[in-house]
PDB file of N, CA and C in Angstrom:
ATOM      1  N   MET A   1       0.835  -1.182   0.000  1.00  0.00           N
ATOM      2  CA  MET A   1       0.000   0.000   0.000  1.00  0.00           C
ATOM      3  C   MET A   1       0.882   1.249   0.000  1.00  0.00           C
ATOM      4  N   GLY A   2       0.292   2.348  -0.429  1.00  0.00           N
ATOM      5  CA  GLY A   2       1.024   3.605  -0.406  1.00  0.00           C
ATOM      6  C   GLY A   2       1.731   3.937  -1.702  1.00  0.00           C
ATOM      7  N   GLY A   3       1.451   3.204  -2.778  1.00  0.00           N
ATOM      8  CA  GLY A   3       2.085   3.479  -4.054  1.00  0.00           C
ATOM      9  C   GLY A   3       1.293   4.470  -4.880  1.00  0.00           C
ATOM     10  N   ILE A   4       1.814   4.758  -6.060  1.00  0.00           N
ATOM     11  CA  ILE A   4       1.140   5.637  -7.012  1.00  0.00           C
ATOM     12  C   ILE A   4       0.667   4.783  -8.178  1.00  0.00           C
ATOM     13  N   VAL A   5      -0.614   4.881  -8.483  1.00  0.00           N
ATOM     14  CA  VAL A   5      -1.217   4.148  -9.597  1.00  0.00           C
ATOM     15  C   VAL A   5      -1.502   5.146 -10.710  1.00  0.00           C
ATOM     16  N   THR A   6      -1.011   4.836 -11.915  1.00  0.00           N
ATOM     17  CA  THR A   6      -1.270   5.652 -13.094  1.00  0.00           C
ATOM     18  C   THR A   6      -1.953   4.769 -14.127  1.00  0.00           C
ATOM     19  N   ILE A   7      -3.053   5.247 -14.686  1.00  0.00           N
ATOM     20  CA  ILE A   7      -3.788   4.494 -15.692  1.00  0.00           C
ATOM     21  C   ILE A   7      -3.632   5.206 -17.027  1.00  0.00           C
ATOM     22  N   TYR A   8      -3.152   4.467 -18.014  1.00  0.00           N
ATOM     23  CA  TYR A   8      -2.912   4.998 -19.345  1.00  0.00           C
ATOM     24  C   TYR A   8      -3.926   4.418 -20.322  1.00  0.00           C
ATOM     25  N   LYS A   9      -4.332   5.246 -21.287  1.00  0.00           N
ATOM     26  CA  LYS A   9      -5.198   4.780 -22.365  1.00  0.00           C
ATOM     27  C   LYS A   9      -4.505   5.058 -23.683  1.00  0.00           C
ATOM     28  N   GLN A  10      -4.353   4.016 -24.488  1.00  0.00           N
ATOM     29  CA  GLN A  10      -3.789   4.167 -25.824  1.00  0.00           C
ATOM     30  C   GLN A  10      -4.745   3.462 -26.774  1.00  0.00           C
ATOM     31  N   GLY A  11      -5.460   4.251 -27.555  1.00  0.00           N
ATOM     32  CA  GLY A  11      -6.501   3.684 -28.411  1.00  0.00           C
ATOM     33  C   GLY A  11      -7.605   3.107 -27.544  1.00  0.00           C
ATOM     34  N   LEU A  12      -7.882   1.831 -27.714  1.00  0.00           N
ATOM     35  CA  LEU A  12      -8.902   1.163 -26.908  1.00  0.00           C
ATOM     36  C   LEU A  12      -8.302   0.322 -25.790  1.00  0.00           C
ATOM     37  N   THR A  13      -6.976   0.386 -25.613  1.00  0.00           N
ATOM     38  CA  THR A  13      -6.286  -0.427 -24.622  1.00  0.00           C
ATOM     39  C   THR A  13      -5.907   0.404 -23.403  1.00  0.00           C
ATOM     40  N   TYR A  14      -6.186  -0.142 -22.217  1.00  0.00           N
ATOM     41  CA  TYR A  14      -5.824   0.500 -20.961  1.00  0.00           C
ATOM     42  C   TYR A  14      -4.719  -0.304 -20.278  1.00  0.00           C
ATOM     43  N   THR A  15      -3.798   0.407 -19.631  1.00  0.00           N
ATOM     44  CA  THR A  15      -2.711  -0.208 -18.881  1.00  0.00           C
ATOM     45  C   THR A  15      -2.580   0.521 -17.550  1.00  0.00           C
ATOM     46  N   GLU A  16      -2.258  -0.225 -16.512  1.00  0.00           N
ATOM     47  CA  GLU A  16      -2.046   0.362 -15.185  1.00  0.00           C
ATOM     48  C   GLU A  16      -0.580   0.220 -14.808  1.00  0.00           C
ATOM     49  N   LYS A  17      -0.001   1.302 -14.305  1.00  0.00           N
ATOM     50  CA  LYS A  17       1.362   1.283 -13.786  1.00  0.00           C
ATOM     51  C   LYS A  17       1.284   1.598 -12.304  1.00  0.00           C
ATOM     52  N   GLU A  18       1.919   0.766 -11.494  1.00  0.00           N
ATOM     53  CA  GLU A  18       1.950   0.997 -10.053  1.00  0.00           C
ATOM     54  C   GLU A  18       3.399   1.095  -9.610  1.00  0.00           C
ATOM     55  N   VAL A  19       3.722   2.158  -8.872  1.00  0.00           N
ATOM     56  CA  VAL A  19       5.069   2.361  -8.354  1.00  0.00           C
ATOM     57  C   VAL A  19       4.970   2.533  -6.842  1.00  0.00           C
ATOM     58  N   MET A  20       5.686   1.670  -6.126  1.00  0.00           N
ATOM     59  CA  MET A  20       5.688   1.705  -4.664  1.00  0.00           C
ATOM     60  C   MET A  20       6.793   2.653  -4.171  1.00  0.00           C
ATOM     61  N   PRO A  21       6.737   3.081  -2.903  1.00  0.00           N
ATOM     62  CA  PRO A  21       7.748   4.012  -2.378  1.00  0.00           C
ATOM     63  C   PRO A  21       9.185   3.523  -2.530  1.00  0.00           C
ATOM     64  N   ASP A  22       9.404   2.199  -2.520  1.00  0.00           N
ATOM     65  CA  ASP A  22      10.764   1.676  -2.664  1.00  0.00           C
ATOM     66  C   ASP A  22      11.206   1.541  -4.123  1.00  0.00           C
ATOM     67  N   GLY A  23      10.342   1.979  -5.055  1.00  0.00           N
ATOM     68  CA  GLY A  23      10.678   1.931  -6.475  1.00  0.00           C
ATOM     69  C   GLY A  23      10.195   0.674  -7.180  1.00  0.00           C
ATOM     70  N   SER A  24       9.740  -0.299  -6.430  1.00  0.00           N
ATOM     71  CA  SER A  24       9.228  -1.518  -7.062  1.00  0.00           C
ATOM     72  C   SER A  24       7.868  -1.249  -7.684  1.00  0.00           C
ATOM     73  N   GLY A  25       7.394  -2.167  -8.468  1.00  0.00           N
ATOM     74  CA  GLY A  25       6.086  -2.023  -9.095  1.00  0.00           C
ATOM     75  C   GLY A  25       6.086  -2.683 -10.444  1.00  0.00           C
ATOM     76  N   GLY A  26       5.148  -2.313 -11.260  1.00  0.00           N
ATOM     77  CA  GLY A  26       5.075  -2.906 -12.575  1.00  0.00           C
ATOM     78  C   GLY A  26       3.876  -2.409 -13.360  1.00  0.00           C
ATOM     79  N   MET A  27       3.742  -2.973 -14.548  1.00  0.00           N
ATOM     80  CA  MET A  27       2.654  -2.632 -15.450  1.00  0.00           C
ATOM     81  C   MET A  27       1.770  -3.855 -15.604  1.00  0.00           C
ATOM     82  N   MET A  28       0.465  -3.625 -15.791  1.00  0.00           N
ATOM     83  CA  MET A  28      -0.446  -4.740 -16.035  1.00  0.00           C
ATOM     84  C   MET A  28      -1.600  -4.279 -16.905  1.00  0.00           C
ATOM     85  N   GLY A  29      -2.154  -5.223 -17.620  1.00  0.00           N
ATOM     86  CA  GLY A  29      -3.328  -4.939 -18.421  1.00  0.00           C
ATOM     87  C   GLY A  29      -4.554  -4.859 -17.529  1.00  0.00           C
ATOM     88  N   ILE A  30      -5.481  -4.012 -17.895  1.00  0.00           N
ATOM     89  CA  ILE A  30      -6.717  -3.860 -17.133  1.00  0.00           C
ATOM     90  C   ILE A  30      -7.889  -3.796 -18.103  1.00  0.00           C
ATOM     91  N   THR A  31      -9.053  -4.102 -17.583  1.00  0.00           N
ATOM     92  CA  THR A  31     -10.289  -3.965 -18.336  1.00  0.00           C
ATOM     93  C   THR A  31     -11.053  -2.785 -17.760  1.00  0.00           C
ATOM     94  N   VAL A  32     -11.481  -1.861 -18.601  1.00  0.00           N
ATOM     95  CA  VAL A  32     -12.217  -0.673 -18.169  1.00  0.00           C
ATOM     96  C   VAL A  32     -13.587  -0.687 -18.834  1.00  0.00           C
ATOM     97  N   THR A  33     -14.635  -0.577 -18.013  1.00  0.00           N
ATOM     98  CA  THR A  33     -16.001  -0.543 -18.528  1.00  0.00           C
ATOM     99  C   THR A  33     -16.779   0.551 -17.803  1.00  0.00           C
ATOM    100  N   PRO A  34     -17.750   1.165 -18.467  1.00  0.00           N
ATOM    101  CA  PRO A  34     -18.597   2.157 -17.792  1.00  0.00           C
ATOM    102  C   PRO A  34     -19.450   1.479 -16.718  1.00  0.00           C
ATOM    103  N   GLN A  35     -19.595   2.157 -15.589  1.00  0.00           N
ATOM    104  CA  GLN A  35     -20.541   1.734 -14.553  1.00  0.00           C
ATOM    105  C   GLN A  35     -21.270   2.990 -14.109  1.00  0.00           C
ATOM    106  N   GLY A  36     -22.457   3.194 -14.643  1.00  0.00           N
ATOM    107  CA  GLY A  36     -23.160   4.452 -14.429  1.00  0.00           C
ATOM    108  C   GLY A  36     -22.349   5.554 -15.078  1.00  0.00           C
ATOM    109  N   THR A  37     -22.045   6.612 -14.331  1.00  0.00           N
ATOM    110  CA  THR A  37     -21.220   7.700 -14.855  1.00  0.00           C
ATOM    111  C   THR A  37     -19.747   7.498 -14.516  1.00  0.00           C
ATOM    112  N   ASN A  38     -19.412   6.441 -13.797  1.00  0.00           N
ATOM    113  CA  ASN A  38     -18.041   6.146 -13.388  1.00  0.00           C
ATOM    114  C   ASN A  38     -17.401   5.129 -14.327  1.00  0.00           C
ATOM    115  N   LEU A  39     -16.099   4.878 -14.132  1.00  0.00           N
ATOM    116  CA  LEU A  39     -15.403   3.838 -14.870  1.00  0.00           C
ATOM    117  C   LEU A  39     -15.009   2.722 -13.917  1.00  0.00           C
ATOM    118  N   LYS A  40     -15.347   1.492 -14.260  1.00  0.00           N
ATOM    119  CA  LYS A  40     -14.997   0.317 -13.464  1.00  0.00           C
ATOM    120  C   LYS A  40     -13.733  -0.298 -14.042  1.00  0.00           C
ATOM    121  N   ILE A  41     -12.755  -0.564 -13.181  1.00  0.00           N
ATOM    122  CA  ILE A  41     -11.461  -1.097 -13.602  1.00  0.00           C
ATOM    123  C   ILE A  41     -11.240  -2.436 -12.919  1.00  0.00           C
ATOM    124  N   VAL A  42     -10.909  -3.430 -13.720  1.00  0.00           N
ATOM    125  CA  VAL A  42     -10.593  -4.751 -13.180  1.00  0.00           C
ATOM    126  C   VAL A  42      -9.201  -5.128 -13.678  1.00  0.00           C
ATOM    127  N   GLU A  43      -8.298  -5.401 -12.732  1.00  0.00           N
ATOM    128  CA  GLU A  43      -6.951  -5.856 -13.077  1.00  0.00           C
ATOM    129  C   GLU A  43      -7.015  -7.339 -13.430  1.00  0.00           C
ATOM    130  N   ALA A  44      -6.108  -7.771 -14.290  1.00  0.00           N
ATOM    131  CA  ALA A  44      -6.084  -9.167 -14.717  1.00  0.00           C
ATOM    132  C   ALA A  44      -5.937 -10.123 -13.529  1.00  0.00           C
ATOM    133  N   ASP A  45      -5.210  -9.715 -12.475  1.00  0.00           N
ATOM    134  CA  ASP A  45      -4.964 -10.625 -11.352  1.00  0.00           C
ATOM    135  C   ASP A  45      -5.779 -10.299 -10.095  1.00  0.00           C
ATOM    136  N   MET A  46      -6.801  -9.450 -10.206  1.00  0.00           N
ATOM    137  CA  MET A  46      -7.617  -9.122  -9.028  1.00  0.00           C
ATOM    138  C   MET A  46      -8.459 -10.331  -8.629  1.00  0.00           C
ATOM    139  N   ALA A  47      -8.599 -10.518  -7.329  1.00  0.00           N
ATOM    140  CA  ALA A  47      -9.411 -11.621  -6.812  1.00  0.00           C
ATOM    141  C   ALA A  47     -10.858 -11.444  -7.246  1.00  0.00           C
ATOM    142  N   GLY A  48     -11.576 -12.533  -7.353  1.00  0.00           N
ATOM    143  CA  GLY A  48     -12.968 -12.488  -7.796  1.00  0.00           C
ATOM    144  C   GLY A  48     -13.788 -11.469  -7.030  1.00  0.00           C
ATOM    145  N   GLY A  49     -14.433 -10.578  -7.745  1.00  0.00           N
ATOM    146  CA  GLY A  49     -15.294  -9.574  -7.126  1.00  0.00           C
ATOM    147  C   GLY A  49     -14.603  -8.271  -6.788  1.00  0.00           C
ATOM    148  N   ASP A  50     -13.270  -8.220  -6.775  1.00  0.00           N
ATOM    149  CA  ASP A  50     -12.554  -6.980  -6.471  1.00  0.00           C
ATOM    150  C   ASP A  50     -12.443  -6.125  -7.731  1.00  0.00           C
ATOM    151  N   TYR A  51     -12.551  -4.810  -7.552  1.00  0.00           N
ATOM    152  CA  TYR A  51     -12.452  -3.889  -8.681  1.00  0.00           C
ATOM    153  C   TYR A  51     -12.167  -2.484  -8.153  1.00  0.00           C
ATOM    154  N   MET A  52     -11.893  -1.570  -9.076  1.00  0.00           N
ATOM    155  CA  MET A  52     -11.685  -0.167  -8.745  1.00  0.00           C
ATOM    156  C   MET A  52     -12.701   0.652  -9.529  1.00  0.00           C
ATOM    157  N   LEU A  53     -13.036   1.820  -8.994  1.00  0.00           N
ATOM    158  CA  LEU A  53     -13.912   2.768  -9.690  1.00  0.00           C
ATOM    159  C   LEU A  53     -13.234   4.118  -9.762  1.00  0.00           C
ATOM    160  N   ILE A  54     -13.269   4.739 -10.933  1.00  0.00           N
ATOM    161  CA  ILE A  54     -12.839   6.131 -11.066  1.00  0.00           C
ATOM    162  C   ILE A  54     -14.105   6.964 -11.094  1.00  0.00           C
ATOM    163  N   SER A  55     -14.211   7.890 -10.153  1.00  0.00           N
ATOM    164  CA  SER A  55     -15.381   8.752 -10.050  1.00  0.00           C
ATOM    165  C   SER A  55     -15.377   9.784 -11.164  1.00  0.00           C
ATOM    166  N   SER A  56     -16.510   9.921 -11.847  1.00  0.00           N
ATOM    167  CA  SER A  56     -16.620  10.941 -12.888  1.00  0.00           C
ATOM    168  C   SER A  56     -16.752  12.338 -12.295  1.00  0.00           C
ATOM    169  N   SER A  57     -17.129  12.434 -11.022  1.00  0.00           N
ATOM    170  CA  SER A  57     -17.340  13.754 -10.426  1.00  0.00           C
ATOM    171  C   SER A  57     -16.046  14.403  -9.942  1.00  0.00           C
ATOM    172  N   ASP A  58     -15.114  13.611  -9.363  1.00  0.00           N
ATOM    173  CA  ASP A  58     -13.898  14.225  -8.821  1.00  0.00           C
ATOM    174  C   ASP A  58     -12.611  13.484  -9.176  1.00  0.00           C
ATOM    175  N   GLY A  59     -12.710  12.401  -9.937  1.00  0.00           N
ATOM    176  CA  GLY A  59     -11.522  11.667 -10.358  1.00  0.00           C
ATOM    177  C   GLY A  59     -10.930  10.759  -9.298  1.00  0.00           C
ATOM    178  N   SER A  60     -11.572  10.650  -8.135  1.00  0.00           N
ATOM    179  CA  SER A  60     -11.033   9.796  -7.080  1.00  0.00           C
ATOM    180  C   SER A  60     -11.093   8.333  -7.509  1.00  0.00           C
ATOM    181  N   LEU A  61     -10.230   7.534  -6.910  1.00  0.00           N
ATOM    182  CA  LEU A  61     -10.145   6.110  -7.206  1.00  0.00           C
ATOM    183  C   LEU A  61     -10.600   5.350  -5.969  1.00  0.00           C
ATOM    184  N   SER A  62     -11.598   4.504  -6.141  1.00  0.00           N
ATOM    185  CA  SER A  62     -12.126   3.716  -5.022  1.00  0.00           C
ATOM    186  C   SER A  62     -11.824   2.250  -5.254  1.00  0.00           C
ATOM    187  N   TYR A  63     -11.392   1.570  -4.193  1.00  0.00           N
ATOM    188  CA  TYR A  63     -11.169   0.135  -4.230  1.00  0.00           C
ATOM    189  C   TYR A  63     -12.389  -0.529  -3.609  1.00  0.00           C
ATOM    190  N   CYS A  64     -12.965  -1.492  -4.317  1.00  0.00           N
ATOM    191  CA  CYS A  64     -14.215  -2.121  -3.896  1.00  0.00           C
ATOM    192  C   CYS A  64     -14.108  -3.635  -4.005  1.00  0.00           C
ATOM    193  N   ASP A  65     -14.991  -4.314  -3.287  1.00  0.00           N
ATOM    194  CA  ASP A  65     -15.144  -5.753  -3.454  1.00  0.00           C
ATOM    195  C   ASP A  65     -16.627  -6.058  -3.583  1.00  0.00           C
ATOM    196  N   ASN A  66     -16.977  -7.322  -3.550  1.00  0.00           N
ATOM    197  CA  ASN A  66     -18.379  -7.678  -3.759  1.00  0.00           C
ATOM    198  C   ASN A  66     -19.290  -7.223  -2.621  1.00  0.00           C
ATOM    199  N   GLN A  67     -18.716  -6.719  -1.528  1.00  0.00           N
ATOM    200  CA  GLN A  67     -19.513  -6.184  -0.417  1.00  0.00           C
ATOM    201  C   GLN A  67     -19.592  -4.664  -0.440  1.00  0.00           C
ATOM    202  N   GLY A  68     -18.859  -4.017  -1.354  1.00  0.00           N
ATOM    203  CA  GLY A  68     -18.914  -2.565  -1.469  1.00  0.00           C
ATOM    204  C   GLY A  68     -17.556  -1.900  -1.333  1.00  0.00           C
ATOM    205  N   LEU A  69     -17.563  -0.649  -0.906  1.00  0.00           N
ATOM    206  CA  LEU A  69     -16.365   0.183  -0.817  1.00  0.00           C
ATOM    207  C   LEU A  69     -15.400  -0.315   0.248  1.00  0.00           C
ATOM    208  N   ILE A  70     -14.114  -0.421  -0.111  1.00  0.00           N
ATOM    209  CA  ILE A  70     -13.050  -0.720   0.854  1.00  0.00           C
ATOM    210  C   ILE A  70     -12.417   0.598   1.290  1.00  0.00           C
ATOM    211  N   TYR A  71     -11.919   1.396   0.322  1.00  0.00           N
ATOM    212  CA  TYR A  71     -11.397   2.730   0.617  1.00  0.00           C
ATOM    213  C   TYR A  71     -11.273   3.522  -0.676  1.00  0.00           C
ATOM    214  N   SER A  72     -11.150   4.846  -0.548  1.00  0.00           N
ATOM    215  CA  SER A  72     -10.980   5.733  -1.701  1.00  0.00           C
ATOM    216  C   SER A  72      -9.722   6.566  -1.524  1.00  0.00           C
ATOM    217  N   VAL A  73      -9.138   6.940  -2.642  1.00  0.00           N
ATOM    218  CA  VAL A  73      -7.974   7.823  -2.637  1.00  0.00           C
ATOM    219  C   VAL A  73      -8.235   8.961  -3.619  1.00  0.00           C
ATOM    220  N   PRO A  74      -7.758  10.177  -3.307  1.00  0.00           N
ATOM    221  CA  PRO A  74      -8.007  11.318  -4.194  1.00  0.00           C
ATOM    222  C   PRO A  74      -7.130  11.267  -5.438  1.00  0.00           C
ATOM    223  N   LEU A  75      -7.561  11.977  -6.455  1.00  0.00           N
ATOM    224  CA  LEU A  75      -6.796  12.134  -7.678  1.00  0.00           C
ATOM    225  C   LEU A  75      -5.579  13.000  -7.379  1.00  0.00           C
ATOM    226  N   LEU A  76      -4.416  12.576  -7.831  1.00  0.00           N
ATOM    227  CA  LEU A  76      -3.194  13.356  -7.698  1.00  0.00           C
ATOM    228  C   LEU A  76      -3.052  14.186  -8.963  1.00  0.00           C
ATOM    229  N   LYS A  77      -3.238  15.486  -8.838  1.00  0.00           N
ATOM    230  CA  LYS A  77      -3.158  16.363 -10.009  1.00  0.00           C
ATOM    231  C   LYS A  77      -1.714  16.803 -10.185  1.00  0.00           C
ATOM    232  N   MET A  78      -1.195  16.528 -11.364  1.00  0.00           N
ATOM    233  CA  MET A  78       0.193  16.869 -11.656  1.00  0.00           C
ATOM    234  C   MET A  78       0.224  18.003 -12.669  1.00  0.00           C
ATOM    235  N   SER A  79       1.119  18.913 -12.477  1.00  0.00           N
ATOM    236  CA  SER A  79       1.277  20.027 -13.393  1.00  0.00           C
ATOM    237  C   SER A  79       1.967  19.569 -14.665  1.00  0.00           C
ATOM    238  N   THR A  80       1.512  20.073 -15.797  1.00  0.00           N
ATOM    239  CA  THR A  80       2.154  19.749 -17.066  1.00  0.00           C
ATOM    240  C   THR A  80       3.129  20.828 -17.484  1.00  0.00           C
ATOM    241  N   SER A  81       3.168  21.944 -16.746  1.00  0.00           N
ATOM    242  CA  SER A  81       4.123  23.007 -17.076  1.00  0.00           C
ATOM    243  C   SER A  81       5.453  22.711 -16.403  1.00  0.00           C
ATOM    244  N   GLN A  82       6.527  23.159 -17.020  1.00  0.00           N
ATOM    245  CA  GLN A  82       7.847  22.869 -16.450  1.00  0.00           C
ATOM    246  C   GLN A  82       8.573  24.126 -16.090  1.00  0.00           C
TER     247      GLN A  82
END
């Protein structure tokens, strides 16, 4: 826990990159589907029923399971100016 998750979209393909504080992490394929006004994300290796939601209202990322919300994290806004 405590890493940074970045979700990339290239064409119709989505990829997730996770980087932990110690520099470890990796890339994985994900499936993204609409769920209401939000986006539902399922990682290839997520346990049955586990998923993430990106909120359309504020960009927050919520981790959920088949019983509901586990926790949410805010969107990290990064500046594109240098």
